[in-house]
C-alpha atoms as a PDB file:
ATOM      1  CA  MET A   1       0.000   0.000   0.000  1.00  0.00           C
ATOM      2  CA  TRP A   2       1.447   3.335  -1.053  1.00  0.00           C
ATOM      3  CA  TRP A   3       0.648   6.286   1.103  1.00  0.00           C
ATOM      4  CA  SER A   4       0.580   9.790  -0.150  1.00  0.00           C
ATOM      5  CA  ARG A   5       3.414  12.077   0.871  1.00  0.00           C
ATOM      6  CA  LYS A   6       1.214  14.096   3.229  1.00  0.00           C
ATOM      7  CA  THR A   7      -0.074  10.943   4.946  1.00  0.00           C
ATOM      8  CA  ARG A   8       3.479   9.701   5.541  1.00  0.00           C
ATOM      9  CA  GLN A   9       4.513  13.081   6.925  1.00  0.00           C
ATOM     10  CA  ALA A  10       1.508  13.120   9.258  1.00  0.00           C
ATOM     11  CA  VAL A  11       2.327   9.611  10.548  1.00  0.00           C
ATOM     12  CA  ILE A  12       5.970  10.521  11.147  1.00  0.00           C
ATOM     13  CA  LEU A  13       5.019  13.771  12.883  1.00  0.00           C
ATOM     14  CA  GLY A  14       2.509  11.926  15.082  1.00  0.00           C
ATOM     15  CA  ALA A  15       5.136   9.328  16.050  1.00  0.00           C
ATOM     16  CA  LEU A  16       7.650  12.035  16.932  1.00  0.00           C
ATOM     17  CA  LEU A  17       5.118  13.917  19.046  1.00  0.00           C
ATOM     18  CA  GLY A  18       4.164  10.686  20.796  1.00  0.00           C
ATOM     19  CA  LEU A  19       7.801   9.965  21.573  1.00  0.00           C
ATOM     20  CA  ALA A  20       8.340  13.484  22.902  1.00  0.00           C
ATOM     21  CA  GLY A  21       5.303  13.204  25.164  1.00  0.00           C
ATOM     22  CA  CYS A  22       6.224   9.871  26.755  1.00  0.00           C
ATOM     23  CA  GLY A  23       9.045  11.288  28.887  1.00  0.00           C
ATOM     24  CA  PHE A  24      11.872   9.702  26.923  1.00  0.00           C
ATOM     25  CA  ARG A  25      15.306  10.889  28.027  1.00  0.00           C
ATOM     26  CA  PRO A  26      18.682   9.679  26.818  1.00  0.00           C
ATOM     27  CA  LEU A  27      20.455   7.532  29.421  1.00  0.00           C
ATOM     28  CA  TYR A  28      23.815   9.256  29.090  1.00  0.00           C
ATOM     29  CA  ASN A  29      22.418  12.788  28.921  1.00  0.00           C
ATOM     30  CA  GLN A  30      25.047  15.448  29.563  1.00  0.00           C
ATOM     31  CA  PRO A  31      23.524  18.262  31.639  1.00  0.00           C
ATOM     32  CA  THR A  32      23.803  21.865  30.608  1.00  0.00           C
ATOM     33  CA  GLY A  33      23.549  24.943  32.817  1.00  0.00           C
ATOM     34  CA  ASN A  34      19.949  25.717  31.832  1.00  0.00           C
ATOM     35  CA  ASP A  35      18.672  22.214  31.117  1.00  0.00           C
ATOM     36  CA  PRO A  36      14.897  22.252  31.826  1.00  0.00           C
ATOM     37  CA  SER A  37      14.698  18.446  31.688  1.00  0.00           C
ATOM     38  CA  GLY A  38      16.717  18.120  34.893  1.00  0.00           C
ATOM     39  CA  GLY A  39      19.568  16.379  33.117  1.00  0.00           C
ATOM     40  CA  TYR A  40      22.301  14.783  35.158  1.00  0.00           C
ATOM     41  CA  ASN A  41      25.534  13.039  34.359  1.00  0.00           C
ATOM     42  CA  VAL A  42      25.242   9.279  34.822  1.00  0.00           C
ATOM     43  CA  GLN A  43      28.915   8.933  33.890  1.00  0.00           C
ATOM     44  CA  ALA A  44      29.851  10.881  37.030  1.00  0.00           C
ATOM     45  CA  ASP A  45      27.937   8.342  39.142  1.00  0.00           C
ATOM     46  CA  LEU A  46      29.542   5.411  37.303  1.00  0.00           C
ATOM     47  CA  ALA A  47      32.981   6.894  37.964  1.00  0.00           C
ATOM     48  CA  THR A  48      32.410   6.614  41.743  1.00  0.00           C
ATOM     49  CA  ILE A  49      32.440   2.795  41.586  1.00  0.00           C
ATOM     50  CA  TYR A  50      35.589   1.004  42.769  1.00  0.00           C
ATOM     51  CA  ILE A  51      35.929  -2.406  41.148  1.00  0.00           C
ATOM     52  CA  LEU A  52      37.395  -4.918  43.582  1.00  0.00           C
ATOM     53  CA  PRO A  53      39.921  -7.386  42.138  1.00  0.00           C
ATOM     54  CA  ILE A  54      38.352 -10.464  40.536  1.00  0.00           C
ATOM     55  CA  LYS A  55      40.186 -13.789  40.731  1.00  0.00           C
ATOM     56  CA  ASP A  56      41.727 -15.628  37.755  1.00  0.00           C
ATOM     57  CA  ARG A  57      42.793 -14.329  34.357  1.00  0.00           C
ATOM     58  CA  ILE A  58      39.236 -13.972  33.066  1.00  0.00           C
ATOM     59  CA  GLY A  59      38.391 -11.869  36.123  1.00  0.00           C
ATOM     60  CA  GLN A  60      41.370  -9.643  35.440  1.00  0.00           C
ATOM     61  CA  GLN A  61      40.171  -9.148  31.858  1.00  0.00           C
ATOM     62  CA  LEU A  62      36.651  -8.281  33.049  1.00  0.00           C
ATOM     63  CA  ARG A  63      37.991  -5.849  35.649  1.00  0.00           C
ATOM     64  CA  ASN A  64      40.137  -4.085  33.032  1.00  0.00           C
ATOM     65  CA  LEU A  65      37.159  -3.731  30.680  1.00  0.00           C
ATOM     66  CA  LEU A  66      34.979  -2.394  33.493  1.00  0.00           C
ATOM     67  CA  LEU A  67      37.666   0.111  34.459  1.00  0.00           C
ATOM     68  CA  THR A  68      37.646   1.568  30.943  1.00  0.00           C
ATOM     69  CA  ARG A  69      33.836   1.585  30.775  1.00  0.00           C
ATOM     70  CA  LEU A  70      33.032   2.869  34.267  1.00  0.00           C
ATOM     71  CA  ASN A  71      36.141   4.853  35.262  1.00  0.00           C
ATOM     72  CA  PRO A  72      37.925   6.013  32.108  1.00  0.00           C
ATOM     73  CA  LYS A  73      39.888   8.604  34.115  1.00  0.00           C
ATOM     74  CA  GLY A  74      41.188   6.013  36.617  1.00  0.00           C
ATOM     75  CA  SER A  75      40.021   4.613  39.929  1.00  0.00           C
ATOM     76  CA  PRO A  76      38.079   7.110  42.072  1.00  0.00           C
ATOM     77  CA  ALA A  77      40.041   8.790  44.880  1.00  0.00           C
ATOM     78  CA  GLU A  78      37.049   8.489  47.228  1.00  0.00           C
ATOM     79  CA  PRO A  79      34.747   5.763  45.882  1.00  0.00           C
ATOM     80  CA  ALA A  80      31.109   5.825  46.880  1.00  0.00           C
ATOM     81  CA  TYR A  81      30.520   2.191  45.871  1.00  0.00           C
ATOM     82  CA  ASP A  82      32.440  -1.083  45.792  1.00  0.00           C
ATOM     83  CA  LEU A  83      31.670  -3.594  43.065  1.00  0.00           C
ATOM     84  CA  ARG A  84      32.146  -7.272  43.935  1.00  0.00           C
ATOM     85  CA  ILE A  85      32.031  -9.832  41.141  1.00  0.00           C
ATOM     86  CA  GLY A  86      32.285 -13.626  41.126  1.00  0.00           C
ATOM     87  CA  LEU A  87      32.722 -15.505  37.837  1.00  0.00           C
ATOM     88  CA  SER A  88      31.989 -19.058  36.750  1.00  0.00           C
ATOM     89  CA  GLU A  89      32.674 -20.623  33.371  1.00  0.00           C
ATOM     90  CA  SER A  90      31.407 -23.789  31.689  1.00  0.00           C
ATOM     91  CA  VAL A  91      31.604 -25.362  28.236  1.00  0.00           C
ATOM     92  CA  GLN A  92      28.726 -27.188  26.577  1.00  0.00           C
ATOM     93  CA  GLN A  93      29.631 -29.292  23.562  1.00  0.00           C
ATOM     94  CA  LEU A  94      27.262 -29.152  20.602  1.00  0.00           C
ATOM     95  CA  GLY A  95      27.296 -30.564  17.097  1.00  0.00           C
ATOM     96  CA  ILE A  96      28.607 -34.030  17.960  1.00  0.00           C
ATOM     97  CA  LYS A  97      29.579 -36.285  15.046  1.00  0.00           C
ATOM     98  CA  LYS A  98      28.883 -40.016  14.845  1.00  0.00           C
ATOM     99  CA  SER A  99      32.491 -40.568  15.913  1.00  0.00           C
ATOM    100  CA  SER A 100      31.631 -38.831  19.238  1.00  0.00           C
ATOM    101  CA  PHE A 101      33.821 -35.848  18.298  1.00  0.00           C
ATOM    102  CA  ALA A 102      32.327 -32.450  19.073  1.00  0.00           C
ATOM    103  CA  THR A 103      32.558 -29.812  16.347  1.00  0.00           C
ATOM    104  CA  ARG A 104      30.948 -26.861  18.116  1.00  0.00           C
ATOM    105  CA  ALA A 105      30.784 -25.622  21.694  1.00  0.00           C
ATOM    106  CA  ASN A 106      29.102 -22.931  23.756  1.00  0.00           C
ATOM    107  CA  LEU A 107      31.158 -21.124  26.357  1.00  0.00           C
ATOM    108  CA  ARG A 108      28.940 -19.892  29.205  1.00  0.00           C
ATOM    109  CA  ILE A 109      30.308 -17.266  31.568  1.00  0.00           C
ATOM    110  CA  SER A 110      28.192 -16.192  34.503  1.00  0.00           C
ATOM    111  CA  ALA A 111      29.025 -13.126  36.593  1.00  0.00           C
ATOM    112  CA  SER A 112      27.266 -12.568  39.909  1.00  0.00           C
ATOM    113  CA  TYR A 113      27.686  -9.020  41.167  1.00  0.00           C
ATOM    114  CA  ASN A 114      26.976  -6.879  44.241  1.00  0.00           C
ATOM    115  CA  LEU A 115      27.215  -3.113  44.292  1.00  0.00           C
ATOM    116  CA  VAL A 116      27.834  -2.095  47.895  1.00  0.00           C
ATOM    117  CA  ALA A 117      28.036   1.380  49.434  1.00  0.00           C
ATOM    118  CA  ALA A 118      31.635   2.075  50.415  1.00  0.00           C
ATOM    119  CA  LYS A 119      32.331   2.564  54.117  1.00  0.00           C
ATOM    120  CA  GLY A 120      31.941   6.143  55.220  1.00  0.00           C
ATOM    121  CA  THR A 121      29.737   7.183  52.290  1.00  0.00           C
ATOM    122  CA  VAL A 122      26.345   6.211  53.680  1.00  0.00           C
ATOM    123  CA  ASP A 123      25.234   6.183  57.311  1.00  0.00           C
ATOM    124  CA  THR A 124      24.352   2.527  57.677  1.00  0.00           C
ATOM    125  CA  GLY A 125      24.772   2.153  61.410  1.00  0.00           C
ATOM    126  CA  GLY A 126      27.717  -0.182  60.863  1.00  0.00           C
ATOM    127  CA  ASP A 127      25.849  -2.419  58.411  1.00  0.00           C
ATOM    128  CA  ILE A 128      26.750  -2.840  54.766  1.00  0.00           C
ATOM    129  CA  THR A 129      24.140  -1.418  52.407  1.00  0.00           C
ATOM    130  CA  VAL A 130      23.682  -3.629  49.363  1.00  0.00           C
ATOM    131  CA  LEU A 131      22.474  -1.913  46.253  1.00  0.00           C
ATOM    132  CA  PRO A 132      21.974  -3.685  42.908  1.00  0.00           C
ATOM    133  CA  THR A 133      22.765  -7.392  42.875  1.00  0.00           C
ATOM    134  CA  GLY A 134      22.237  -9.947  40.195  1.00  0.00           C
ATOM    135  CA  THR A 135      23.737 -12.266  37.649  1.00  0.00           C
ATOM    136  CA  VAL A 136      24.796 -11.630  34.070  1.00  0.00           C
ATOM    137  CA  LEU A 137      25.100 -14.555  31.665  1.00  0.00           C
ATOM    138  CA  ALA A 138      27.015 -14.449  28.398  1.00  0.00           C
ATOM    139  CA  ILE A 139      27.097 -17.331  25.937  1.00  0.00           C
ATOM    140  CA  SER A 140      29.619 -17.367  23.129  1.00  0.00           C
ATOM    141  CA  SER A 141      29.990 -20.143  20.552  1.00  0.00           C
ATOM    142  CA  TYR A 142      33.143 -21.401  18.894  1.00  0.00           C
ATOM    143  CA  ASP A 143      34.222 -24.187  16.538  1.00  0.00           C
ATOM    144  CA  ILE A 144      36.166 -27.189  17.756  1.00  0.00           C
ATOM    145  CA  SER A 145      38.833 -28.169  15.272  1.00  0.00           C
ATOM    146  CA  THR A 146      40.931 -31.277  14.952  1.00  0.00           C
ATOM    147  CA  TYR A 147      43.913 -29.020  15.600  1.00  0.00           C
ATOM    148  CA  GLU A 148      44.342 -28.164  19.267  1.00  0.00           C
ATOM    149  CA  PHE A 149      45.884 -24.733  18.675  1.00  0.00           C
ATOM    150  CA  THR A 150      42.934 -23.680  16.507  1.00  0.00           C
ATOM    151  CA  THR A 151      40.466 -24.783  19.162  1.00  0.00           C
ATOM    152  CA  LEU A 152      42.375 -22.975  21.932  1.00  0.00           C
ATOM    153  CA  THR A 153      42.465 -19.785  19.864  1.00  0.00           C
ATOM    154  CA  ALA A 154      38.736 -20.033  19.116  1.00  0.00           C
ATOM    155  CA  ARG A 155      37.953 -20.593  22.807  1.00  0.00           C
ATOM    156  CA  LYS A 156      40.130 -17.607  23.784  1.00  0.00           C
ATOM    157  CA  ASP A 157      38.266 -15.406  21.287  1.00  0.00           C
ATOM    158  CA  ALA A 158      34.888 -16.676  22.560  1.00  0.00           C
ATOM    159  CA  ARG A 159      35.963 -15.877  26.125  1.00  0.00           C
ATOM    160  CA  ALA A 160      36.992 -12.338  25.127  1.00  0.00           C
ATOM    161  CA  ARG A 161      33.626 -11.764  23.401  1.00  0.00           C
ATOM    162  CA  ALA A 162      31.698 -13.054  26.428  1.00  0.00           C
ATOM    163  CA  VAL A 163      33.673 -10.890  28.853  1.00  0.00           C
ATOM    164  CA  ARG A 164      33.093  -7.821  26.646  1.00  0.00           C
ATOM    165  CA  GLU A 165      29.363  -8.578  26.623  1.00  0.00           C
ATOM    166  CA  ILE A 166      29.290  -8.884  30.428  1.00  0.00           C
ATOM    167  CA  ALA A 167      31.165  -5.585  30.863  1.00  0.00           C
ATOM    168  CA  ASP A 168      28.754  -3.773  28.536  1.00  0.00           C
ATOM    169  CA  ASP A 169      25.734  -5.300  30.274  1.00  0.00           C
ATOM    170  CA  LEU A 170      26.998  -4.328  33.734  1.00  0.00           C
ATOM    171  CA  ARG A 171      27.683  -0.757  32.616  1.00  0.00           C
ATOM    172  CA  THR A 172      24.145  -0.466  31.239  1.00  0.00           C
ATOM    173  CA  ARG A 173      22.582  -1.965  34.386  1.00  0.00           C
ATOM    174  CA  PHE A 174      24.429   0.451  36.662  1.00  0.00           C
ATOM    175  CA  ALA A 175      23.655   3.437  34.431  1.00  0.00           C
ATOM    176  CA  VAL A 176      19.942   2.566  34.516  1.00  0.00           C
ATOM    177  CA  TYR A 177      20.109   2.138  38.305  1.00  0.00           C
ATOM    178  CA  PHE A 178      21.678   5.583  38.787  1.00  0.00           C
ATOM    179  CA  ALA A 179      19.301   7.208  36.303  1.00  0.00           C
ATOM    180  CA  GLN A 180      16.237   5.766  38.083  1.00  0.00           C
ATOM    181  CA  ARG A 181      17.646   6.752  41.461  1.00  0.00           C
ATOM    182  CA  ARG A 182      18.024  10.352  40.334  1.00  0.00           C
ATOM    183  CA  LYS A 183      14.443  10.629  39.046  1.00  0.00           C
END
């Protein structure tokens, strides 16, 4: 069905007005001096998170990615929050041949996290205040080759993709948390 030009323009204008009226705000809105929407800087809140060391090599990779995503200017001098993360990894073999040789695998990395108010930042009466907690799951597939080096390289790449996905997901979750808290 072909719409006339005026009909298309009216539909587009109506959609834009509907979007403007629903209260949509960009998540990473940078505030200006006379911002009537009450903009705030979520990045400033993210930069107050101190990421505690995570065990193993994969934890080190995740911590480094989170540092660049949450604190691009370096660790905060006086953090308001501590981020605790525990990782687990498993491999599920798929695509098994008649010879019982797997040709494909899924690498599953699960990250359980707790965002905790740093001591001295919130009056908790000596108790630890737990903020967002949860689990992030990333699944990344790779091919299993008859050559061991090829398989190890594919698994390493799958691990790097999964860790990147977890870091991006955590950054988004914390940004949404801070944005909702500021509303």
